[in-house]
Amino acid sequence: MVEDLLGRYEISPTLYEWGMDALKVIASKEIKSRDDAQVVQYRAVQDIQSQLDVLLDMTTRGLITSDRYKEKSAPLEKELIDRQQEQKDSFERSKNWYEFVGNTLDDLTNVNQKFTKGELIEKNRILKAIGENPILMDGKLSITPYNWLKPVGEGLIRQKIPSGAVRTGLQQIDKDVNLTKKQDWYPGLESNQRPKA
């Protein structure tokens, strides 16, 4: 039963490499949008800081009272803290997402072998890589797979179909079959992965 569950999500070292390639492509595409968002966040922080600086200058020059400064600066200081936290959260989310997916792909590579030979803590980590609430009750294992992992499992089922059964005359070369599988595994990858000059 465990082998069957793990087999639904087990990836080969080749698929692991393809997954990491796909992760790099996704990361490079997201760098631009992440950088744009960070610029907007940075400008918002700078704008709030400038407003606080103007208020402080007005107070030191006697143009507004210290009570008026406190009244005007309090909401700005709160907003400044919120914007700075957004910057930090945004960075951590993107970093943690790539680490999480990379670690999950690593955990699922040759997963049956790792599970069989692994200690209890490693077995627990492997089950948690697949989903939530792994429960073994009355000799039956149940787990709720993560939604994002379900398409991976479906893709793996397609990958396990013997390639000889679906080849046409032009697809007899293993390289072409592997390319087709790689594009099925991650359709966003182009067939020509050479760096652009």
N, C-alpha and C. Protein backbone atom coordinates (compact mmCIF):
# COMPACT_ATOMS: atom_id res chain seq x y z
N MET A 1 0.82 -1.19 0.00
CA MET A 1 0.00 0.00 0.00
C MET A 1 0.87 1.26 0.00
N VAL A 2 1.90 1.27 0.84
CA VAL A 2 2.82 2.42 0.88
C VAL A 2 3.55 2.55 -0.45
N GLU A 3 4.00 1.40 -1.00
CA GLU A 3 4.68 1.44 -2.29
C GLU A 3 3.78 2.00 -3.37
N ASP A 4 2.50 1.63 -3.33
CA ASP A 4 1.55 2.15 -4.32
C ASP A 4 1.40 3.65 -4.18
N LEU A 5 1.25 4.14 -2.95
CA LEU A 5 1.12 5.58 -2.71
C LEU A 5 2.37 6.31 -3.18
N LEU A 6 3.52 5.83 -2.75
CA LEU A 6 4.77 6.49 -3.11
C LEU A 6 5.03 6.40 -4.61
N GLY A 7 4.63 5.27 -5.21
CA GLY A 7 4.83 5.09 -6.65
C GLY A 7 4.07 6.12 -7.47
N ARG A 8 2.98 6.64 -6.94
CA ARG A 8 2.21 7.64 -7.67
C ARG A 8 2.97 8.96 -7.77
N TYR A 9 3.92 9.17 -6.86
CA TYR A 9 4.64 10.44 -6.83
C TYR A 9 6.15 10.27 -6.99
N GLU A 10 6.60 9.05 -7.22
CA GLU A 10 8.04 8.80 -7.33
C GLU A 10 8.57 9.34 -8.65
N ILE A 11 9.64 10.10 -8.56
CA ILE A 11 10.26 10.62 -9.78
C ILE A 11 11.67 10.05 -9.92
N SER A 12 12.06 9.92 -11.15
CA SER A 12 13.40 9.40 -11.45
C SER A 12 14.41 10.54 -11.35
N PRO A 13 15.70 10.20 -11.29
CA PRO A 13 16.71 11.27 -11.29
C PRO A 13 16.60 12.17 -12.53
N THR A 14 16.23 11.60 -13.67
CA THR A 14 16.07 12.41 -14.88
C THR A 14 14.94 13.41 -14.71
N LEU A 15 13.80 12.94 -14.18
CA LEU A 15 12.68 13.85 -13.95
C LEU A 15 13.03 14.91 -12.91
N TYR A 16 13.85 14.52 -11.93
CA TYR A 16 14.30 15.49 -10.94
C TYR A 16 15.09 16.60 -11.64
N GLU A 17 16.00 16.22 -12.52
CA GLU A 17 16.79 17.22 -13.25
C GLU A 17 15.88 18.11 -14.08
N TRP A 18 14.90 17.51 -14.76
CA TRP A 18 13.96 18.29 -15.57
C TRP A 18 13.16 19.24 -14.68
N GLY A 19 12.73 18.75 -13.53
CA GLY A 19 11.99 19.60 -12.59
C GLY A 19 12.82 20.78 -12.12
N MET A 20 14.10 20.54 -11.82
CA MET A 20 14.97 21.63 -11.40
C MET A 20 15.21 22.61 -12.54
N ASP A 21 15.34 22.08 -13.78
CA ASP A 21 15.46 22.97 -14.94
C ASP A 21 14.22 23.85 -15.06
N ALA A 22 13.05 23.23 -14.90
CA ALA A 22 11.79 23.99 -14.99
C ALA A 22 11.73 25.04 -13.89
N LEU A 23 12.17 24.68 -12.70
CA LEU A 23 12.16 25.61 -11.58
C LEU A 23 13.06 26.81 -11.87
N LYS A 24 14.21 26.56 -12.50
CA LYS A 24 15.12 27.66 -12.86
C LYS A 24 14.47 28.57 -13.89
N VAL A 25 13.78 27.98 -14.88
CA VAL A 25 13.11 28.78 -15.91
C VAL A 25 12.01 29.63 -15.27
N ILE A 26 11.21 29.02 -14.41
CA ILE A 26 10.14 29.75 -13.72
C ILE A 26 10.74 30.88 -12.89
N ALA A 27 11.81 30.57 -12.17
CA ALA A 27 12.44 31.57 -11.32
C ALA A 27 12.95 32.74 -12.15
N SER A 28 13.58 32.45 -13.30
CA SER A 28 14.12 33.54 -14.12
C SER A 28 13.01 34.41 -14.68
N LYS A 29 11.87 33.79 -15.02
CA LYS A 29 10.73 34.58 -15.52
C LYS A 29 10.12 35.42 -14.41
N GLU A 30 10.11 34.89 -13.20
CA GLU A 30 9.50 35.61 -12.09
C GLU A 30 10.41 36.69 -11.51
N ILE A 31 11.69 36.63 -11.81
CA ILE A 31 12.62 37.63 -11.28
C ILE A 31 12.19 39.03 -11.73
N LYS A 32 11.82 39.16 -13.00
CA LYS A 32 11.42 40.47 -13.53
C LYS A 32 10.19 40.99 -12.79
N SER A 33 9.14 40.17 -12.67
CA SER A 33 7.94 40.65 -11.99
C SER A 33 8.19 40.89 -10.50
N ARG A 34 9.03 40.05 -9.90
CA ARG A 34 9.36 40.25 -8.48
C ARG A 34 10.14 41.55 -8.31
N ASP A 35 11.09 41.80 -9.23
CA ASP A 35 11.87 43.04 -9.15
C ASP A 35 10.97 44.26 -9.33
N ASP A 36 10.01 44.18 -10.26
CA ASP A 36 9.07 45.29 -10.47
C ASP A 36 8.26 45.54 -9.20
N ALA A 37 7.78 44.48 -8.56
CA ALA A 37 7.01 44.62 -7.33
C ALA A 37 7.88 45.21 -6.22
N GLN A 38 9.15 44.80 -6.16
CA GLN A 38 10.03 45.33 -5.13
C GLN A 38 10.30 46.82 -5.34
N VAL A 39 10.38 47.25 -6.61
CA VAL A 39 10.58 48.67 -6.90
C VAL A 39 9.38 49.48 -6.40
N VAL A 40 8.17 48.96 -6.67
CA VAL A 40 6.95 49.64 -6.21
C VAL A 40 6.93 49.70 -4.68
N GLN A 41 7.27 48.58 -4.03
CA GLN A 41 7.29 48.56 -2.57
C GLN A 41 8.35 49.52 -2.03
N TYR A 42 9.51 49.55 -2.66
CA TYR A 42 10.59 50.44 -2.22
C TYR A 42 10.16 51.90 -2.34
N ARG A 43 9.52 52.24 -3.47
CA ARG A 43 9.06 53.62 -3.66
C ARG A 43 8.01 54.01 -2.63
N ALA A 44 7.11 53.08 -2.30
CA ALA A 44 6.09 53.36 -1.28
C ALA A 44 6.75 53.63 0.07
N VAL A 45 7.75 52.84 0.42
CA VAL A 45 8.48 53.05 1.68
C VAL A 45 9.19 54.40 1.66
N GLN A 46 9.83 54.72 0.54
CA GLN A 46 10.54 55.99 0.43
C GLN A 46 9.59 57.18 0.53
N ASP A 47 8.41 57.05 -0.08
CA ASP A 47 7.42 58.13 -0.05
C ASP A 47 6.95 58.38 1.38
N ILE A 48 6.67 57.30 2.10
CA ILE A 48 6.22 57.44 3.49
C ILE A 48 7.34 58.05 4.34
N GLN A 49 8.56 57.60 4.11
CA GLN A 49 9.69 58.13 4.87
C GLN A 49 9.87 59.63 4.58
N SER A 50 9.67 60.03 3.32
CA SER A 50 9.78 61.46 2.96
C SER A 50 8.72 62.28 3.67
N GLN A 51 7.50 61.75 3.75
CA GLN A 51 6.43 62.46 4.45
C GLN A 51 6.78 62.64 5.93
N LEU A 52 7.33 61.58 6.52
CA LEU A 52 7.73 61.68 7.93
C LEU A 52 8.85 62.71 8.10
N ASP A 53 9.79 62.74 7.14
CA ASP A 53 10.89 63.72 7.21
C ASP A 53 10.36 65.15 7.13
N VAL A 54 9.39 65.39 6.25
CA VAL A 54 8.80 66.73 6.11
C VAL A 54 8.11 67.14 7.40
N LEU A 55 7.34 66.19 7.98
CA LEU A 55 6.68 66.50 9.26
C LEU A 55 7.69 66.85 10.35
N LEU A 56 8.76 66.08 10.42
CA LEU A 56 9.79 66.33 11.43
C LEU A 56 10.44 67.70 11.20
N ASP A 57 10.72 68.01 9.95
CA ASP A 57 11.32 69.31 9.61
C ASP A 57 10.38 70.44 10.02
N MET A 58 9.09 70.28 9.73
CA MET A 58 8.12 71.32 10.09
C MET A 58 8.05 71.51 11.60
N THR A 59 8.18 70.41 12.33
CA THR A 59 8.14 70.48 13.79
C THR A 59 9.38 71.20 14.32
N THR A 60 10.55 70.85 13.81
CA THR A 60 11.79 71.46 14.30
C THR A 60 11.87 72.94 13.94
N ARG A 61 11.17 73.34 12.87
CA ARG A 61 11.17 74.76 12.47
C ARG A 61 10.03 75.53 13.13
N GLY A 62 9.23 74.83 13.95
CA GLY A 62 8.16 75.49 14.68
C GLY A 62 6.91 75.75 13.86
N LEU A 63 6.79 75.09 12.70
CA LEU A 63 5.62 75.31 11.85
C LEU A 63 4.41 74.51 12.32
N ILE A 64 4.66 73.38 12.99
CA ILE A 64 3.57 72.61 13.61
C ILE A 64 4.01 72.22 15.02
N THR A 65 3.04 71.96 15.87
CA THR A 65 3.35 71.59 17.25
C THR A 65 3.75 70.12 17.31
N SER A 66 4.35 69.74 18.41
CA SER A 66 4.74 68.34 18.58
C SER A 66 3.51 67.45 18.69
N ASP A 67 2.42 67.97 19.25
CA ASP A 67 1.18 67.19 19.29
C ASP A 67 0.66 66.93 17.87
N ARG A 68 0.71 67.97 17.04
CA ARG A 68 0.26 67.81 15.64
C ARG A 68 1.18 66.83 14.90
N TYR A 69 2.48 66.89 15.19
CA TYR A 69 3.43 65.94 14.60
C TYR A 69 3.06 64.51 14.96
N LYS A 70 2.79 64.27 16.25
CA LYS A 70 2.43 62.92 16.70
C LYS A 70 1.15 62.45 16.02
N GLU A 71 0.18 63.36 15.91
CA GLU A 71 -1.10 63.01 15.30
C GLU A 71 -0.93 62.62 13.83
N LYS A 72 -0.10 63.40 13.12
CA LYS A 72 0.11 63.13 11.68
C LYS A 72 1.08 61.98 11.42
N SER A 73 2.07 61.83 12.29
CA SER A 73 3.11 60.82 12.04
C SER A 73 2.69 59.41 12.45
N ALA A 74 1.81 59.28 13.42
CA ALA A 74 1.43 57.94 13.92
C ALA A 74 0.90 57.03 12.81
N PRO A 75 -0.08 57.48 12.00
CA PRO A 75 -0.55 56.58 10.93
C PRO A 75 0.52 56.31 9.87
N LEU A 76 1.37 57.32 9.63
CA LEU A 76 2.45 57.11 8.65
C LEU A 76 3.46 56.09 9.15
N GLU A 77 3.80 56.16 10.43
CA GLU A 77 4.75 55.21 11.00
C GLU A 77 4.19 53.78 10.96
N LYS A 78 2.89 53.66 11.23
CA LYS A 78 2.25 52.34 11.14
C LYS A 78 2.29 51.83 9.71
N GLU A 79 1.96 52.70 8.76
CA GLU A 79 1.98 52.30 7.35
C GLU A 79 3.40 51.94 6.91
N LEU A 80 4.39 52.69 7.40
CA LEU A 80 5.78 52.39 7.07
C LEU A 80 6.16 50.99 7.55
N ILE A 81 5.79 50.67 8.77
CA ILE A 81 6.08 49.33 9.31
C ILE A 81 5.39 48.26 8.47
N ASP A 82 4.12 48.51 8.09
CA ASP A 82 3.38 47.55 7.26
C ASP A 82 4.06 47.33 5.91
N ARG A 83 4.48 48.41 5.25
CA ARG A 83 5.13 48.30 3.93
C ARG A 83 6.48 47.58 4.03
N GLN A 84 7.23 47.87 5.09
CA GLN A 84 8.51 47.19 5.28
C GLN A 84 8.29 45.70 5.52
N GLN A 85 7.23 45.36 6.27
CA GLN A 85 6.92 43.95 6.51
C GLN A 85 6.50 43.27 5.21
N GLU A 86 5.74 43.97 4.36
CA GLU A 86 5.36 43.42 3.05
C GLU A 86 6.59 43.10 2.22
N GLN A 87 7.57 44.00 2.22
CA GLN A 87 8.82 43.76 1.49
C GLN A 87 9.49 42.48 1.98
N LYS A 88 9.60 42.37 3.28
CA LYS A 88 10.25 41.21 3.88
C LYS A 88 9.48 39.92 3.58
N ASP A 89 8.14 39.97 3.74
CA ASP A 89 7.31 38.80 3.48
C ASP A 89 7.40 38.36 2.02
N SER A 90 7.39 39.32 1.12
CA SER A 90 7.46 39.02 -0.31
C SER A 90 8.76 38.29 -0.64
N PHE A 91 9.86 38.77 -0.10
CA PHE A 91 11.16 38.14 -0.34
C PHE A 91 11.18 36.73 0.24
N GLU A 92 10.72 36.57 1.48
CA GLU A 92 10.73 35.27 2.13
C GLU A 92 9.84 34.26 1.41
N ARG A 93 8.66 34.72 0.94
CA ARG A 93 7.74 33.83 0.24
C ARG A 93 8.38 33.26 -1.01
N SER A 94 8.99 34.14 -1.82
CA SER A 94 9.58 33.64 -3.06
C SER A 94 10.76 32.72 -2.77
N LYS A 95 11.59 33.07 -1.80
CA LYS A 95 12.74 32.22 -1.45
C LYS A 95 12.27 30.87 -0.92
N ASN A 96 11.31 30.89 0.00
CA ASN A 96 10.83 29.65 0.60
C ASN A 96 10.12 28.76 -0.41
N TRP A 97 9.43 29.35 -1.38
CA TRP A 97 8.71 28.56 -2.37
C TRP A 97 9.70 27.74 -3.20
N TYR A 98 10.78 28.37 -3.67
CA TYR A 98 11.76 27.64 -4.48
C TYR A 98 12.46 26.56 -3.66
N GLU A 99 12.80 26.88 -2.42
CA GLU A 99 13.43 25.88 -1.56
C GLU A 99 12.49 24.71 -1.31
N PHE A 100 11.21 25.02 -1.03
CA PHE A 100 10.22 23.99 -0.74
C PHE A 100 10.04 23.05 -1.93
N VAL A 101 9.86 23.62 -3.11
CA VAL A 101 9.64 22.78 -4.29
C VAL A 101 10.89 21.96 -4.60
N GLY A 102 12.07 22.59 -4.52
CA GLY A 102 13.32 21.86 -4.76
C GLY A 102 13.51 20.72 -3.77
N ASN A 103 13.23 20.97 -2.50
CA ASN A 103 13.34 19.92 -1.47
C ASN A 103 12.33 18.81 -1.70
N THR A 104 11.10 19.17 -2.12
CA THR A 104 10.08 18.17 -2.38
C THR A 104 10.49 17.28 -3.55
N LEU A 105 10.98 17.89 -4.62
CA LEU A 105 11.44 17.09 -5.76
C LEU A 105 12.56 16.13 -5.34
N ASP A 106 13.46 16.64 -4.49
CA ASP A 106 14.54 15.79 -4.00
C ASP A 106 13.99 14.64 -3.16
N ASP A 107 13.04 14.93 -2.27
CA ASP A 107 12.45 13.88 -1.43
C ASP A 107 11.75 12.82 -2.26
N LEU A 108 11.14 13.20 -3.39
CA LEU A 108 10.36 12.26 -4.20
C LEU A 108 11.21 11.52 -5.23
N THR A 109 12.47 11.88 -5.37
CA THR A 109 13.36 11.16 -6.29
C THR A 109 13.71 9.81 -5.68
N ASN A 110 13.40 8.73 -6.40
CA ASN A 110 13.62 7.36 -5.91
C ASN A 110 13.02 7.18 -4.51
N VAL A 111 11.80 7.66 -4.34
CA VAL A 111 11.18 7.74 -3.02
C VAL A 111 10.96 6.37 -2.37
N ASN A 112 10.62 5.36 -3.15
CA ASN A 112 10.40 4.04 -2.54
C ASN A 112 11.67 3.51 -1.88
N GLN A 113 12.79 3.69 -2.57
CA GLN A 113 14.08 3.24 -2.02
C GLN A 113 14.42 4.03 -0.75
N LYS A 114 14.22 5.35 -0.80
CA LYS A 114 14.51 6.19 0.38
C LYS A 114 13.60 5.81 1.55
N PHE A 115 12.34 5.53 1.24
CA PHE A 115 11.39 5.20 2.31
C PHE A 115 11.74 3.86 2.94
N THR A 116 12.08 2.87 2.09
CA THR A 116 12.40 1.54 2.59
C THR A 116 13.63 1.55 3.48
N LYS A 117 14.66 2.30 3.06
CA LYS A 117 15.92 2.30 3.80
C LYS A 117 15.99 3.37 4.89
N GLY A 118 15.05 4.33 4.85
CA GLY A 118 15.14 5.48 5.74
C GLY A 118 14.70 5.21 7.16
N GLU A 119 15.16 6.08 8.04
CA GLU A 119 14.75 6.06 9.44
C GLU A 119 13.34 6.64 9.53
N LEU A 120 12.73 6.52 10.69
CA LEU A 120 11.36 6.98 10.90
C LEU A 120 11.21 8.46 10.58
N ILE A 121 12.19 9.27 10.95
CA ILE A 121 12.09 10.71 10.71
C ILE A 121 12.09 11.01 9.20
N GLU A 122 12.90 10.24 8.43
CA GLU A 122 12.94 10.43 6.98
C GLU A 122 11.63 9.97 6.35
N LYS A 123 11.08 8.86 6.84
CA LYS A 123 9.80 8.37 6.33
C LYS A 123 8.70 9.40 6.56
N ASN A 124 8.71 10.00 7.74
CA ASN A 124 7.73 11.03 8.06
C ASN A 124 7.88 12.23 7.13
N ARG A 125 9.12 12.66 6.88
CA ARG A 125 9.39 13.80 5.98
C ARG A 125 8.90 13.50 4.58
N ILE A 126 9.11 12.27 4.11
CA ILE A 126 8.68 11.87 2.77
C ILE A 126 7.16 11.94 2.66
N LEU A 127 6.47 11.41 3.66
CA LEU A 127 5.00 11.45 3.63
C LEU A 127 4.50 12.89 3.67
N LYS A 128 5.16 13.73 4.46
CA LYS A 128 4.75 15.13 4.53
C LYS A 128 5.09 15.89 3.25
N ALA A 129 6.03 15.38 2.45
CA ALA A 129 6.33 15.99 1.15
C ALA A 129 5.19 15.75 0.17
N ILE A 130 4.45 14.67 0.37
CA ILE A 130 3.33 14.32 -0.52
C ILE A 130 2.06 15.06 -0.12
N GLY A 131 1.82 15.14 1.18
CA GLY A 131 0.57 15.77 1.60
C GLY A 131 0.46 15.96 3.09
N GLU A 132 -0.75 16.25 3.48
CA GLU A 132 -1.01 16.54 4.89
C GLU A 132 -1.71 15.37 5.56
N ASN A 133 -1.60 15.34 6.85
CA ASN A 133 -2.30 14.38 7.69
C ASN A 133 -2.06 12.91 7.31
N PRO A 134 -0.80 12.48 7.21
CA PRO A 134 -0.59 11.05 6.94
C PRO A 134 -1.03 10.23 8.15
N ILE A 135 -1.94 9.30 7.91
CA ILE A 135 -2.50 8.50 9.01
C ILE A 135 -2.43 7.02 8.63
N LEU A 136 -1.90 6.22 9.52
CA LEU A 136 -1.90 4.77 9.35
C LEU A 136 -2.85 4.21 10.42
N MET A 137 -4.00 3.68 9.94
CA MET A 137 -4.99 3.17 10.87
C MET A 137 -5.56 1.86 10.32
N ASP A 138 -5.60 0.87 11.18
CA ASP A 138 -6.11 -0.45 10.80
C ASP A 138 -5.40 -0.99 9.55
N GLY A 139 -4.10 -0.75 9.48
CA GLY A 139 -3.31 -1.26 8.36
C GLY A 139 -3.51 -0.50 7.06
N LYS A 140 -4.22 0.64 7.09
CA LYS A 140 -4.46 1.42 5.88
C LYS A 140 -3.83 2.79 6.02
N LEU A 141 -3.13 3.20 4.99
CA LEU A 141 -2.48 4.51 4.98
C LEU A 141 -3.35 5.48 4.20
N SER A 142 -3.63 6.62 4.81
CA SER A 142 -4.35 7.67 4.08
C SER A 142 -3.57 8.96 4.22
N ILE A 143 -3.62 9.75 3.17
CA ILE A 143 -2.92 11.04 3.15
C ILE A 143 -3.67 11.96 2.21
N THR A 144 -3.70 13.23 2.53
CA THR A 144 -4.34 14.22 1.67
C THR A 144 -3.24 14.91 0.87
N PRO A 145 -3.09 14.57 -0.43
CA PRO A 145 -2.01 15.17 -1.21
C PRO A 145 -2.22 16.67 -1.39
N TYR A 146 -1.13 17.40 -1.46
CA TYR A 146 -1.20 18.83 -1.72
C TYR A 146 -1.80 19.06 -3.10
N ASN A 147 -2.62 20.09 -3.22
CA ASN A 147 -3.25 20.39 -4.51
C ASN A 147 -2.22 20.63 -5.60
N TRP A 148 -1.11 21.32 -5.26
CA TRP A 148 -0.13 21.63 -6.29
C TRP A 148 0.60 20.37 -6.77
N LEU A 149 0.57 19.30 -5.94
CA LEU A 149 1.29 18.07 -6.30
C LEU A 149 0.44 17.13 -7.15
N LYS A 150 -0.87 17.32 -7.15
CA LYS A 150 -1.75 16.44 -7.92
C LYS A 150 -1.40 16.42 -9.41
N PRO A 151 -1.19 17.58 -10.07
CA PRO A 151 -0.80 17.53 -11.49
C PRO A 151 0.53 16.82 -11.72
N VAL A 152 1.43 16.91 -10.73
CA VAL A 152 2.71 16.20 -10.85
C VAL A 152 2.44 14.70 -10.89
N GLY A 153 1.57 14.21 -9.99
CA GLY A 153 1.21 12.79 -9.97
C GLY A 153 0.56 12.37 -11.27
N GLU A 154 -0.32 13.22 -11.82
CA GLU A 154 -0.96 12.90 -13.10
C GLU A 154 0.07 12.86 -14.23
N GLY A 155 1.02 13.81 -14.19
CA GLY A 155 2.08 13.82 -15.20
C GLY A 155 2.96 12.59 -15.10
N LEU A 156 3.19 12.13 -13.88
CA LEU A 156 4.01 10.93 -13.69
C LEU A 156 3.31 9.70 -14.25
N ILE A 157 2.00 9.64 -14.13
CA ILE A 157 1.26 8.51 -14.71
C ILE A 157 1.47 8.50 -16.22
N ARG A 158 1.38 9.68 -16.85
CA ARG A 158 1.61 9.75 -18.31
C ARG A 158 3.04 9.35 -18.65
N GLN A 159 4.00 9.72 -17.80
CA GLN A 159 5.40 9.40 -18.05
C GLN A 159 5.66 7.90 -17.98
N LYS A 160 4.87 7.20 -17.16
CA LYS A 160 5.09 5.77 -16.96
C LYS A 160 4.49 4.91 -18.07
N ILE A 161 3.69 5.53 -18.94
CA ILE A 161 3.16 4.77 -20.07
C ILE A 161 4.34 4.40 -20.96
N PRO A 162 4.49 3.14 -21.32
CA PRO A 162 5.65 2.75 -22.14
C PRO A 162 5.72 3.58 -23.41
N SER A 163 6.85 4.21 -23.60
CA SER A 163 6.98 5.11 -24.74
C SER A 163 6.88 4.36 -26.07
N GLY A 164 7.26 3.08 -26.11
CA GLY A 164 7.18 2.32 -27.36
C GLY A 164 5.75 2.14 -27.84
N ALA A 165 4.79 2.20 -26.92
CA ALA A 165 3.40 1.99 -27.30
C ALA A 165 2.80 3.20 -28.00
N VAL A 166 3.41 4.36 -27.88
CA VAL A 166 2.82 5.56 -28.47
C VAL A 166 3.71 6.20 -29.53
N ARG A 167 4.80 5.63 -29.89
CA ARG A 167 5.71 6.23 -30.87
C ARG A 167 5.17 6.10 -32.28
N THR A 168 5.41 7.13 -33.04
CA THR A 168 5.16 7.05 -34.47
C THR A 168 6.50 6.78 -35.14
N GLY A 169 6.49 6.68 -36.43
CA GLY A 169 7.74 6.41 -37.14
C GLY A 169 8.80 7.46 -36.89
N LEU A 170 8.39 8.73 -36.76
CA LEU A 170 9.35 9.82 -36.55
C LEU A 170 9.85 9.90 -35.11
N GLN A 171 9.17 9.21 -34.21
CA GLN A 171 9.53 9.31 -32.79
C GLN A 171 10.35 8.12 -32.30
N GLN A 172 10.95 7.37 -33.18
CA GLN A 172 11.68 6.18 -32.77
C GLN A 172 13.00 6.50 -32.09
N ILE A 173 13.50 7.67 -32.28
CA ILE A 173 14.79 8.02 -31.66
C ILE A 173 14.54 8.39 -30.20
N ASP A 174 15.28 7.76 -29.30
CA ASP A 174 15.08 7.99 -27.88
C ASP A 174 15.18 9.46 -27.49
N LYS A 175 16.07 10.17 -28.14
CA LYS A 175 16.24 11.57 -27.81
C LYS A 175 14.94 12.34 -28.04
N ASP A 176 14.27 12.06 -29.14
CA ASP A 176 13.00 12.73 -29.42
C ASP A 176 11.93 12.33 -28.43
N VAL A 177 11.92 11.07 -28.03
CA VAL A 177 10.93 10.60 -27.06
C VAL A 177 11.17 11.30 -25.73
N ASN A 178 12.44 11.39 -25.32
CA ASN A 178 12.75 12.07 -24.06
C ASN A 178 12.38 13.55 -24.12
N LEU A 179 12.61 14.19 -25.27
CA LEU A 179 12.24 15.59 -25.42
C LEU A 179 10.73 15.75 -25.29
N THR A 180 9.99 14.84 -25.91
CA THR A 180 8.53 14.88 -25.81
C THR A 180 8.10 14.71 -24.36
N LYS A 181 8.71 13.77 -23.66
CA LYS A 181 8.38 13.56 -22.25
C LYS A 181 8.75 14.79 -21.42
N LYS A 182 9.90 15.38 -21.72
CA LYS A 182 10.32 16.55 -20.97
C LYS A 182 9.34 17.70 -21.19
N GLN A 183 8.90 17.88 -22.42
CA GLN A 183 7.94 18.95 -22.69
C GLN A 183 6.58 18.64 -22.07
N ASP A 184 6.23 17.37 -21.95
CA ASP A 184 5.00 17.00 -21.26
C ASP A 184 5.14 17.27 -19.76
N TRP A 185 6.33 16.98 -19.23
CA TRP A 185 6.60 17.20 -17.81
C TRP A 185 6.54 18.68 -17.49
N TYR A 186 7.13 19.52 -18.34
CA TYR A 186 7.05 20.96 -18.15
C TYR A 186 6.89 21.62 -19.51
N PRO A 187 5.64 21.88 -19.94
CA PRO A 187 5.40 22.39 -21.28
C PRO A 187 5.96 23.79 -21.53
N GLY A 188 6.34 24.52 -20.49
CA GLY A 188 6.88 25.86 -20.67
C GLY A 188 8.30 25.87 -21.21
N LEU A 189 8.97 24.75 -21.19
CA LEU A 189 10.34 24.70 -21.69
C LEU A 189 10.35 24.60 -23.21
N GLU A 190 11.22 25.37 -23.82
CA GLU A 190 11.37 25.29 -25.26
C GLU A 190 12.27 24.11 -25.60
N SER A 191 12.17 23.67 -26.85
CA SER A 191 13.01 22.54 -27.26
C SER A 191 14.47 22.98 -27.36
N ASN A 192 14.73 24.28 -27.67
CA ASN A 192 16.08 24.78 -27.79
C ASN A 192 16.43 25.51 -26.50
N GLN A 193 17.18 24.86 -25.62
CA GLN A 193 17.50 25.42 -24.32
C GLN A 193 18.89 26.09 -24.29
N ARG A 194 19.45 26.37 -25.50
CA ARG A 194 20.73 27.03 -25.51
C ARG A 194 20.60 28.46 -25.00
N PRO A 195 21.62 28.96 -24.30
CA PRO A 195 21.54 30.34 -23.81
C PRO A 195 21.45 31.31 -24.98
N LYS A 196 20.68 32.36 -24.77
CA LYS A 196 20.53 33.37 -25.81
C LYS A 196 21.74 34.30 -25.78
N ALA A 197 22.27 34.62 -26.97
CA ALA A 197 23.46 35.47 -27.06
C ALA A 197 23.11 36.93 -26.84
